């Protein structure tokens, strides 16, 4: 493999690792597969997904996000995609922050406000990704769908508690 191929693979590993680092930070406050006492004690709607579903969904989404930003970075570099990559990093920070607010601080209302800001940042990032690379944009669509669902779920949990 030539140097360019090595750099591209290293970049892919880097971006996916950044996404999974965010997942790890969020997991420090999240109940994970075995929910904590607080989360089990709050009211949830009947359509709340089973706890086991969250890990595979988020694993898939973080991988897709890492590949998406890699496509943009690979095609344009940091300097050629500064705005798109900056928005990506902002939404990624907001992503990690949500778990801290919802699970760590147990602030359902603040988490709802934060997830709406997160969703806006994801939509903006996706728009910017589509401008740079359509595959990158399409890779973000499942993330928008999931966070839209999570927003409704968060809002509902806030409402019923």
Protein backbone atom coordinates (compact mmCIF):
# COMPACT_ATOMS: atom_id res chain seq x y z
CA UNK A 1 0.00 0.00 0.00
CA UNK A 2 1.34 3.41 -0.89
CA UNK A 3 1.62 6.33 1.50
CA UNK A 4 -1.60 7.91 0.27
CA UNK A 5 -3.55 4.70 0.95
CA UNK A 6 -2.01 4.41 4.40
CA UNK A 7 -2.93 8.00 5.22
CA UNK A 8 -6.50 7.39 4.05
CA UNK A 9 -6.88 4.27 6.18
CA UNK A 10 -5.30 6.04 9.15
CA UNK A 11 -7.78 8.89 8.61
CA UNK A 12 -10.71 6.47 8.57
CA UNK A 13 -9.51 4.87 11.81
CA UNK A 14 -8.99 8.32 13.33
CA UNK A 15 -12.51 9.58 12.53
CA UNK A 16 -14.24 6.40 13.63
CA UNK A 17 -12.15 6.46 16.82
CA UNK A 18 -13.20 10.06 17.53
CA UNK A 19 -16.84 8.99 17.22
CA UNK A 20 -16.36 6.01 19.52
CA UNK A 21 -14.49 8.17 22.02
CA UNK A 22 -17.62 10.32 22.17
CA UNK A 23 -19.66 7.14 22.67
CA UNK A 24 -17.37 6.13 25.52
CA UNK A 25 -17.76 9.53 27.19
CA UNK A 26 -21.54 9.26 26.91
CA UNK A 27 -21.47 5.71 28.25
CA UNK A 28 -19.81 6.92 31.44
CA UNK A 29 -23.14 8.48 32.41
CA UNK A 30 -25.48 6.08 30.59
CA UNK A 31 -27.04 2.98 32.06
CA UNK A 32 -26.03 0.92 29.03
CA UNK A 33 -27.47 -2.56 28.75
CA UNK A 34 -28.16 -2.81 32.48
CA UNK A 35 -30.08 0.42 33.25
CA UNK A 36 -29.44 2.22 36.45
CA UNK A 37 -31.90 2.52 39.29
CA UNK A 38 -32.92 6.07 38.40
CA UNK A 39 -33.70 5.26 34.77
CA UNK A 40 -35.70 2.20 35.76
CA UNK A 41 -37.70 4.27 38.26
CA UNK A 42 -38.91 6.95 35.85
CA UNK A 43 -42.04 6.63 33.73
CA UNK A 44 -41.46 5.75 30.08
CA UNK A 45 -43.96 5.39 27.24
CA UNK A 46 -45.02 1.91 26.15
CA UNK A 47 -43.17 2.44 22.87
CA UNK A 48 -39.82 2.99 24.62
CA UNK A 49 -37.36 0.63 22.87
CA UNK A 50 -35.89 -2.26 24.85
CA UNK A 51 -32.57 -1.44 26.50
CA UNK A 52 -30.64 -4.02 24.46
CA UNK A 53 -31.47 -2.14 21.23
CA UNK A 54 -29.50 1.01 22.03
CA UNK A 55 -25.99 -0.48 21.87
CA UNK A 56 -26.25 -1.97 18.35
CA UNK A 57 -28.07 1.10 17.01
CA UNK A 58 -25.49 3.52 18.39
CA UNK A 59 -22.59 1.31 17.30
CA UNK A 60 -23.93 1.42 13.76
CA UNK A 61 -24.61 5.16 13.87
CA UNK A 62 -21.19 6.09 15.28
CA UNK A 63 -19.52 3.98 12.61
CA UNK A 64 -21.58 5.62 9.86
CA UNK A 65 -20.81 9.07 11.25
CA UNK A 66 -17.09 8.30 11.28
CA UNK A 67 -17.18 7.08 7.70
CA UNK A 68 -19.23 10.14 6.65
CA UNK A 69 -16.78 12.67 8.06
CA UNK A 70 -13.92 10.62 6.63
CA UNK A 71 -15.39 10.94 3.12
CA UNK A 72 -15.52 14.72 3.51
CA UNK A 73 -12.02 14.89 5.02
CA UNK A 74 -10.59 12.52 2.40
CA UNK A 75 -11.99 14.59 -0.48
CA UNK A 76 -11.32 18.10 0.89
CA UNK A 77 -9.01 17.92 3.90
CA UNK A 78 -9.49 20.12 6.93
CA UNK A 79 -8.90 23.37 5.08
CA UNK A 80 -11.27 22.58 2.22
CA UNK A 81 -14.10 21.44 4.51
CA UNK A 82 -13.49 23.55 7.59
CA UNK A 83 -17.14 24.51 8.06
CA UNK A 84 -18.52 20.99 7.51
CA UNK A 85 -15.95 19.34 9.79
CA UNK A 86 -16.39 22.05 12.44
CA UNK A 87 -20.16 21.48 12.46
CA UNK A 88 -19.53 17.74 12.68
CA UNK A 89 -17.31 18.20 15.74
CA UNK A 90 -19.86 20.53 17.36
CA UNK A 91 -22.69 18.04 16.90
CA UNK A 92 -20.43 15.26 18.17
CA UNK A 93 -19.71 17.23 21.36
CA UNK A 94 -23.44 17.87 21.77
CA UNK A 95 -24.04 14.16 21.29
CA UNK A 96 -21.74 13.26 24.17
CA UNK A 97 -23.20 16.03 26.32
CA UNK A 98 -26.76 14.70 26.05
CA UNK A 99 -25.98 11.52 28.01
CA UNK A 100 -24.27 13.56 30.70
CA UNK A 101 -27.35 15.77 31.09
CA UNK A 102 -30.00 13.06 30.84
CA UNK A 103 -28.38 10.18 32.73
CA UNK A 104 -25.58 11.84 34.68
CA UNK A 105 -27.42 14.93 35.91
CA UNK A 106 -30.88 13.32 35.57
CA UNK A 107 -32.19 16.55 34.05
CA UNK A 108 -34.80 15.30 31.57
CA UNK A 109 -36.07 18.77 30.62
CA UNK A 110 -32.60 20.19 30.00
CA UNK A 111 -31.72 17.06 28.04
CA UNK A 112 -34.79 17.64 25.87
CA UNK A 113 -33.69 21.19 25.10
CA UNK A 114 -30.15 19.98 24.41
CA UNK A 115 -31.27 17.18 22.07
CA UNK A 116 -33.22 19.70 19.99
CA UNK A 117 -30.04 21.76 19.63
CA UNK A 118 -28.17 18.54 18.80
CA UNK A 119 -30.73 17.62 16.14
CA UNK A 120 -30.39 21.07 14.57
CA UNK A 121 -26.61 20.68 14.51
CA UNK A 122 -26.91 17.22 12.91
CA UNK A 123 -29.21 18.58 10.22
CA UNK A 124 -26.82 21.46 9.51
CA UNK A 125 -23.87 19.05 9.39
CA UNK A 126 -25.73 16.74 7.02
CA UNK A 127 -26.57 19.64 4.71
CA UNK A 128 -22.91 20.67 4.65
CA UNK A 129 -21.85 17.07 4.04
CA UNK A 130 -24.24 16.78 1.08
CA UNK A 131 -22.57 19.88 -0.39
CA UNK A 132 -19.19 18.12 -0.22
CA UNK A 133 -19.98 14.43 -0.78
CA UNK A 134 -23.41 12.88 -1.31
CA UNK A 135 -22.39 9.55 0.24
CA UNK A 136 -21.34 11.41 3.41
CA UNK A 137 -24.70 13.16 3.48
CA UNK A 138 -26.66 9.94 3.04
CA UNK A 139 -24.64 8.26 5.78
CA UNK A 140 -25.94 10.90 8.21
CA UNK A 141 -29.65 10.37 7.42
CA UNK A 142 -30.16 7.37 9.75
CA UNK A 143 -28.60 9.45 12.54
CA UNK A 144 -31.12 12.24 11.90
CA UNK A 145 -33.96 9.72 11.98
CA UNK A 146 -32.76 8.12 15.23
CA UNK A 147 -32.13 11.43 17.01
CA UNK A 148 -35.53 12.68 15.82
CA UNK A 149 -37.09 9.61 17.43
CA UNK A 150 -34.93 10.09 20.54
CA UNK A 151 -36.08 13.72 20.73
CA UNK A 152 -39.73 12.66 20.78
CA UNK A 153 -38.91 9.97 23.34
CA UNK A 154 -36.99 12.42 25.55
CA UNK A 155 -39.82 14.95 25.32
CA UNK A 156 -42.40 12.30 26.17
CA UNK A 157 -40.41 11.07 29.18
CA UNK A 158 -40.13 14.66 30.39
CA UNK A 159 -43.87 15.18 29.91
CA UNK A 160 -44.94 12.04 31.81
CA UNK A 161 -42.52 12.57 34.67
